[in-house]
C-alpha atoms as a PDB file:
ATOM      1  CA  UNK A   1      -9.534  59.522 -16.366  1.00  0.00           C
ATOM      2  CA  UNK A   2      -7.664  56.177 -16.448  1.00  0.00           C
ATOM      3  CA  UNK A   3      -3.883  56.237 -16.894  1.00  0.00           C
ATOM      4  CA  UNK A   4      -2.813  54.713 -20.090  1.00  0.00           C
ATOM      5  CA  UNK A   5      -0.482  51.713 -19.374  1.00  0.00           C
ATOM      6  CA  UNK A   6       2.215  50.637 -21.715  1.00  0.00           C
ATOM      7  CA  UNK A   7       2.628  46.902 -22.594  1.00  0.00           C
ATOM      8  CA  UNK A   8       5.367  45.295 -20.652  1.00  0.00           C
ATOM      9  CA  UNK A   9       6.483  41.794 -21.645  1.00  0.00           C
ATOM     10  CA  UNK A  10       5.747  39.378 -18.651  1.00  0.00           C
ATOM     11  CA  UNK A  11       3.278  41.755 -16.975  1.00  0.00           C
ATOM     12  CA  UNK A  12      -0.255  40.713 -16.174  1.00  0.00           C
ATOM     13  CA  UNK A  13      -3.103  43.035 -16.712  1.00  0.00           C
ATOM     14  CA  UNK A  14      -6.830  43.106 -15.791  1.00  0.00           C
ATOM     15  CA  UNK A  15      -9.527  44.507 -17.934  1.00  0.00           C
ATOM     16  CA  UNK A  16     -11.526  46.774 -15.969  1.00  0.00           C
ATOM     17  CA  UNK A  17     -14.715  46.450 -17.980  1.00  0.00           C
ATOM     18  CA  UNK A  18     -14.553  42.699 -18.491  1.00  0.00           C
ATOM     19  CA  UNK A  19     -12.479  41.463 -15.554  1.00  0.00           C
ATOM     20  CA  UNK A  20     -10.296  39.274 -17.772  1.00  0.00           C
ATOM     21  CA  UNK A  21      -6.719  38.785 -16.840  1.00  0.00           C
ATOM     22  CA  UNK A  22      -3.958  38.453 -19.451  1.00  0.00           C
ATOM     23  CA  UNK A  23      -0.235  38.504 -19.834  1.00  0.00           C
ATOM     24  CA  UNK A  24       1.759  40.354 -22.364  1.00  0.00           C
ATOM     25  CA  UNK A  25       4.017  37.651 -24.112  1.00  0.00           C
ATOM     26  CA  UNK A  26       5.619  39.624 -26.848  1.00  0.00           C
ATOM     27  CA  UNK A  27       5.799  42.844 -28.921  1.00  0.00           C
ATOM     28  CA  UNK A  28       6.208  42.650 -32.720  1.00  0.00           C
ATOM     29  CA  UNK A  29       8.033  45.867 -33.845  1.00  0.00           C
ATOM     30  CA  UNK A  30       7.366  45.648 -37.593  1.00  0.00           C
ATOM     31  CA  UNK A  31       3.647  45.234 -37.201  1.00  0.00           C
ATOM     32  CA  UNK A  32       3.275  47.206 -33.853  1.00  0.00           C
ATOM     33  CA  UNK A  33       1.108  44.392 -32.434  1.00  0.00           C
ATOM     34  CA  UNK A  34       1.189  43.099 -28.827  1.00  0.00           C
ATOM     35  CA  UNK A  35       0.916  39.368 -28.296  1.00  0.00           C
ATOM     36  CA  UNK A  36      -1.098  38.331 -25.179  1.00  0.00           C
ATOM     37  CA  UNK A  37      -2.132  35.149 -23.383  1.00  0.00           C
ATOM     38  CA  UNK A  38      -5.137  35.028 -21.267  1.00  0.00           C
ATOM     39  CA  UNK A  39      -5.338  33.076 -17.919  1.00  0.00           C
ATOM     40  CA  UNK A  40      -7.218  30.281 -19.823  1.00  0.00           C
ATOM     41  CA  UNK A  41      -4.249  29.819 -22.146  1.00  0.00           C
ATOM     42  CA  UNK A  42      -5.692  31.536 -25.284  1.00  0.00           C
ATOM     43  CA  UNK A  43      -3.235  33.344 -27.275  1.00  0.00           C
ATOM     44  CA  UNK A  44      -4.114  36.563 -29.135  1.00  0.00           C
ATOM     45  CA  UNK A  45      -2.458  39.629 -30.575  1.00  0.00           C
ATOM     46  CA  UNK A  46      -3.876  43.158 -30.645  1.00  0.00           C
ATOM     47  CA  UNK A  47      -2.625  46.307 -32.314  1.00  0.00           C
ATOM     48  CA  UNK A  48      -1.498  49.385 -30.443  1.00  0.00           C
ATOM     49  CA  UNK A  49      -4.755  51.282 -31.261  1.00  0.00           C
ATOM     50  CA  UNK A  50      -6.782  48.460 -29.601  1.00  0.00           C
ATOM     51  CA  UNK A  51      -4.426  48.394 -26.665  1.00  0.00           C
ATOM     52  CA  UNK A  52      -4.965  52.132 -26.074  1.00  0.00           C
ATOM     53  CA  UNK A  53      -8.620  51.706 -26.154  1.00  0.00           C
ATOM     54  CA  UNK A  54      -8.569  49.062 -23.347  1.00  0.00           C
ATOM     55  CA  UNK A  55      -9.264  49.998 -19.791  1.00  0.00           C
ATOM     56  CA  UNK A  56      -6.455  48.292 -17.872  1.00  0.00           C
ATOM     57  CA  UNK A  57      -4.802  48.030 -14.556  1.00  0.00           C
ATOM     58  CA  UNK A  58      -1.682  46.150 -13.626  1.00  0.00           C
ATOM     59  CA  UNK A  59      -2.408  42.844 -12.086  1.00  0.00           C
ATOM     60  CA  UNK A  60      -0.273  40.287 -10.032  1.00  0.00           C
ATOM     61  CA  UNK A  61       0.443  36.909 -11.243  1.00  0.00           C
ATOM     62  CA  UNK A  62      -2.423  34.502 -10.637  1.00  0.00           C
ATOM     63  CA  UNK A  63      -1.837  32.271  -7.602  1.00  0.00           C
ATOM     64  CA  UNK A  64      -3.348  29.240  -9.446  1.00  0.00           C
ATOM     65  CA  UNK A  65      -1.062  29.038 -12.435  1.00  0.00           C
ATOM     66  CA  UNK A  66      -2.817  25.860 -13.826  1.00  0.00           C
ATOM     67  CA  UNK A  67      -5.446  27.974 -15.730  1.00  0.00           C
ATOM     68  CA  UNK A  68      -4.155  27.134 -19.150  1.00  0.00           C
ATOM     69  CA  UNK A  69      -3.851  23.410 -18.243  1.00  0.00           C
ATOM     70  CA  UNK A  70      -7.410  22.080 -18.949  1.00  0.00           C
ATOM     71  CA  UNK A  71      -8.746  19.463 -16.519  1.00  0.00           C
ATOM     72  CA  UNK A  72      -5.467  18.918 -14.623  1.00  0.00           C
ATOM     73  CA  UNK A  73      -5.699  17.684 -11.016  1.00  0.00           C
ATOM     74  CA  UNK A  74      -3.325  19.210  -8.435  1.00  0.00           C
ATOM     75  CA  UNK A  75      -2.112  15.678  -7.591  1.00  0.00           C
ATOM     76  CA  UNK A  76      -0.908  15.311 -11.149  1.00  0.00           C
ATOM     77  CA  UNK A  77       1.546  18.193 -10.622  1.00  0.00           C
ATOM     78  CA  UNK A  78       3.481  16.351  -7.879  1.00  0.00           C
ATOM     79  CA  UNK A  79       7.055  15.213  -8.794  1.00  0.00           C
ATOM     80  CA  UNK A  80       7.315  11.691 -10.013  1.00  0.00           C
ATOM     81  CA  UNK A  81      10.831  11.176  -8.867  1.00  0.00           C
ATOM     82  CA  UNK A  82      12.690  10.658  -5.630  1.00  0.00           C
ATOM     83  CA  UNK A  83      15.344  13.101  -6.559  1.00  0.00           C
ATOM     84  CA  UNK A  84      16.448  15.915  -4.245  1.00  0.00           C
ATOM     85  CA  UNK A  85      18.118  19.150  -4.904  1.00  0.00           C
ATOM     86  CA  UNK A  86      21.490  17.641  -4.071  1.00  0.00           C
ATOM     87  CA  UNK A  87      20.968  15.038  -6.857  1.00  0.00           C
ATOM     88  CA  UNK A  88      20.572  17.717  -9.524  1.00  0.00           C
ATOM     89  CA  UNK A  89      24.037  18.998  -8.609  1.00  0.00           C
ATOM     90  CA  UNK A  90      25.772  15.706  -9.069  1.00  0.00           C
ATOM     91  CA  UNK A  91      27.455  15.095 -12.572  1.00  0.00           C
ATOM     92  CA  UNK A  92      25.704  12.910 -14.883  1.00  0.00           C
ATOM     93  CA  UNK A  93      26.664   9.188 -14.643  1.00  0.00           C
ATOM     94  CA  UNK A  94      27.151   7.216 -17.898  1.00  0.00           C
ATOM     95  CA  UNK A  95      24.740   4.506 -18.904  1.00  0.00           C
ATOM     96  CA  UNK A  96      26.093   0.992 -18.671  1.00  0.00           C
ATOM     97  CA  UNK A  97      26.085  -0.629 -22.192  1.00  0.00           C
ATOM     98  CA  UNK A  98      23.810  -3.452 -22.583  1.00  0.00           C
ATOM     99  CA  UNK A  99      23.029  -5.804 -25.325  1.00  0.00           C
ATOM    100  CA  UNK A 100      19.734  -5.283 -27.157  1.00  0.00           C
ATOM    101  CA  UNK A 101      17.340  -8.149 -27.112  1.00  0.00           C
ATOM    102  CA  UNK A 102      17.633  -8.716 -30.830  1.00  0.00           C
ATOM    103  CA  UNK A 103      21.361  -9.196 -30.399  1.00  0.00           C
ATOM    104  CA  UNK A 104      21.071 -11.930 -27.840  1.00  0.00           C
ATOM    105  CA  UNK A 105      21.447 -15.631 -28.837  1.00  0.00           C
ATOM    106  CA  UNK A 106      24.129 -17.496 -30.856  1.00  0.00           C
ATOM    107  CA  UNK A 107      24.921 -16.103 -34.195  1.00  0.00           C
ATOM    108  CA  UNK A 108      25.564 -19.635 -35.445  1.00  0.00           C
ATOM    109  CA  UNK A 109      21.852 -20.452 -34.919  1.00  0.00           C
ATOM    110  CA  UNK A 110      20.606 -17.987 -37.599  1.00  0.00           C
ATOM    111  CA  UNK A 111      20.758 -20.687 -40.308  1.00  0.00           C
ATOM    112  CA  UNK A 112      18.253 -22.753 -38.245  1.00  0.00           C
ATOM    113  CA  UNK A 113      15.439 -20.233 -38.891  1.00  0.00           C
ATOM    114  CA  UNK A 114      15.915 -20.433 -42.725  1.00  0.00           C
ATOM    115  CA  UNK A 115      13.827 -23.096 -44.655  1.00  0.00           C
ATOM    116  CA  UNK A 116      15.883 -25.716 -46.412  1.00  0.00           C
END
Protein backbone atom coordinates (compact mmCIF):
# COMPACT_ATOMS: atom_id res chain seq x y z
CA UNK A 1 0.00 0.00 0.00
CA UNK A 2 1.20 3.51 -0.84
CA UNK A 3 2.37 5.79 1.95
CA UNK A 4 0.07 8.78 2.46
CA UNK A 5 2.04 12.01 1.98
CA UNK A 6 1.15 15.20 3.80
CA UNK A 7 0.97 18.37 1.69
CA UNK A 8 4.04 20.56 2.17
CA UNK A 9 4.08 24.09 0.78
CA UNK A 10 6.72 24.41 -1.92
CA UNK A 11 7.04 20.63 -2.42
CA UNK A 12 6.53 19.09 -5.87
CA UNK A 13 4.46 15.90 -6.23
CA UNK A 14 3.85 13.44 -9.07
CA UNK A 15 0.53 11.68 -9.48
CA UNK A 16 1.36 8.00 -9.94
CA UNK A 17 -1.79 7.21 -11.90
CA UNK A 18 -1.71 10.23 -14.25
CA UNK A 19 1.95 11.23 -14.23
CA UNK A 20 1.12 14.90 -13.75
CA UNK A 21 3.45 17.07 -11.68
CA UNK A 22 2.27 19.84 -9.38
CA UNK A 23 3.51 21.94 -6.48
CA UNK A 24 1.66 22.80 -3.29
CA UNK A 25 1.48 26.59 -3.07
CA UNK A 26 -0.70 27.14 0.01
CA UNK A 27 -2.92 25.57 2.62
CA UNK A 28 -6.14 27.27 3.71
CA UNK A 29 -6.79 26.40 7.36
CA UNK A 30 -10.45 27.53 7.61
CA UNK A 31 -11.60 25.55 4.56
CA UNK A 32 -9.01 22.74 4.83
CA UNK A 33 -8.12 23.11 1.17
CA UNK A 34 -4.76 22.67 -0.49
CA UNK A 35 -3.83 25.07 -3.28
CA UNK A 36 -1.71 23.59 -6.04
CA UNK A 37 -0.10 24.75 -9.26
CA UNK A 38 0.61 22.33 -12.08
CA UNK A 39 3.75 22.44 -14.16
CA UNK A 40 1.65 24.07 -16.94
CA UNK A 41 0.82 26.96 -14.61
CA UNK A 42 -2.79 26.00 -13.89
CA UNK A 43 -3.86 26.81 -10.34
CA UNK A 44 -6.35 24.61 -8.52
CA UNK A 45 -7.43 23.75 -5.03
CA UNK A 46 -8.40 20.41 -3.59
CA UNK A 47 -9.83 19.44 -0.23
CA UNK A 48 -8.15 17.11 2.24
CA UNK A 49 -10.40 14.17 1.28
CA UNK A 50 -9.41 14.48 -2.38
CA UNK A 51 -5.74 14.79 -1.34
CA UNK A 52 -5.90 11.55 0.64
CA UNK A 53 -7.39 9.75 -2.38
CA UNK A 54 -4.50 10.77 -4.66
CA UNK A 55 -1.69 8.30 -5.33
CA UNK A 56 1.36 10.56 -4.96
CA UNK A 57 5.11 10.50 -4.69
CA UNK A 58 7.47 13.34 -3.93
CA UNK A 59 9.07 14.80 -7.02
CA UNK A 60 12.02 17.09 -7.55
CA UNK A 61 11.59 20.54 -8.99
CA UNK A 62 11.39 20.32 -12.80
CA UNK A 63 14.62 21.24 -14.57
CA UNK A 64 12.74 23.26 -17.17
CA UNK A 65 10.95 25.83 -15.02
CA UNK A 66 9.44 27.58 -18.08
CA UNK A 67 6.41 25.25 -18.15
CA UNK A 68 3.92 27.91 -17.00
CA UNK A 69 5.26 30.42 -19.54
CA UNK A 70 3.47 29.69 -22.80
CA UNK A 71 5.47 29.96 -25.99
CA UNK A 72 8.58 31.52 -24.52
CA UNK A 73 11.92 31.01 -26.20
CA UNK A 74 14.97 30.33 -24.04
CA UNK A 75 16.72 33.26 -25.76
CA UNK A 76 14.02 35.55 -24.36
CA UNK A 77 15.11 34.63 -20.84
CA UNK A 78 18.57 36.15 -21.26
CA UNK A 79 19.36 39.29 -19.29
CA UNK A 80 18.82 42.53 -21.21
CA UNK A 81 21.41 44.43 -19.19
CA UNK A 82 25.14 44.78 -19.06
CA UNK A 83 25.06 44.90 -15.25
CA UNK A 84 27.30 42.64 -13.22
CA UNK A 85 26.90 41.33 -9.69
CA UNK A 86 29.17 44.12 -8.44
CA UNK A 87 26.83 46.73 -9.98
CA UNK A 88 23.97 45.49 -7.82
CA UNK A 89 26.00 46.15 -4.67
CA UNK A 90 26.60 49.81 -5.55
CA UNK A 91 24.29 52.42 -3.98
CA UNK A 92 21.67 53.97 -6.23
CA UNK A 93 22.74 57.10 -8.06
CA UNK A 94 20.29 60.01 -8.20
CA UNK A 95 18.80 60.95 -11.54
CA UNK A 96 20.01 64.22 -12.98
CA UNK A 97 17.10 66.66 -13.25
CA UNK A 98 16.19 67.67 -16.77
CA UNK A 99 13.57 69.91 -18.22
CA UNK A 100 10.54 68.35 -19.77
CA UNK A 101 10.03 69.04 -23.48
CA UNK A 102 6.82 70.92 -22.79
CA UNK A 103 8.77 73.29 -20.53
CA UNK A 104 11.31 74.22 -23.20
CA UNK A 105 11.03 77.53 -25.01
CA UNK A 106 10.68 81.14 -24.05
CA UNK A 107 7.69 81.80 -21.75
CA UNK A 108 7.31 85.23 -23.43
CA UNK A 109 6.37 83.45 -26.70
CA UNK A 110 3.20 81.89 -25.26
CA UNK A 111 1.09 84.86 -26.39
CA UNK A 112 2.21 84.35 -29.98
CA UNK A 113 0.15 81.14 -30.27
CA UNK A 114 -3.10 82.82 -29.24
CA UNK A 115 -5.33 84.33 -31.94
CA UNK A 116 -5.70 88.12 -31.87
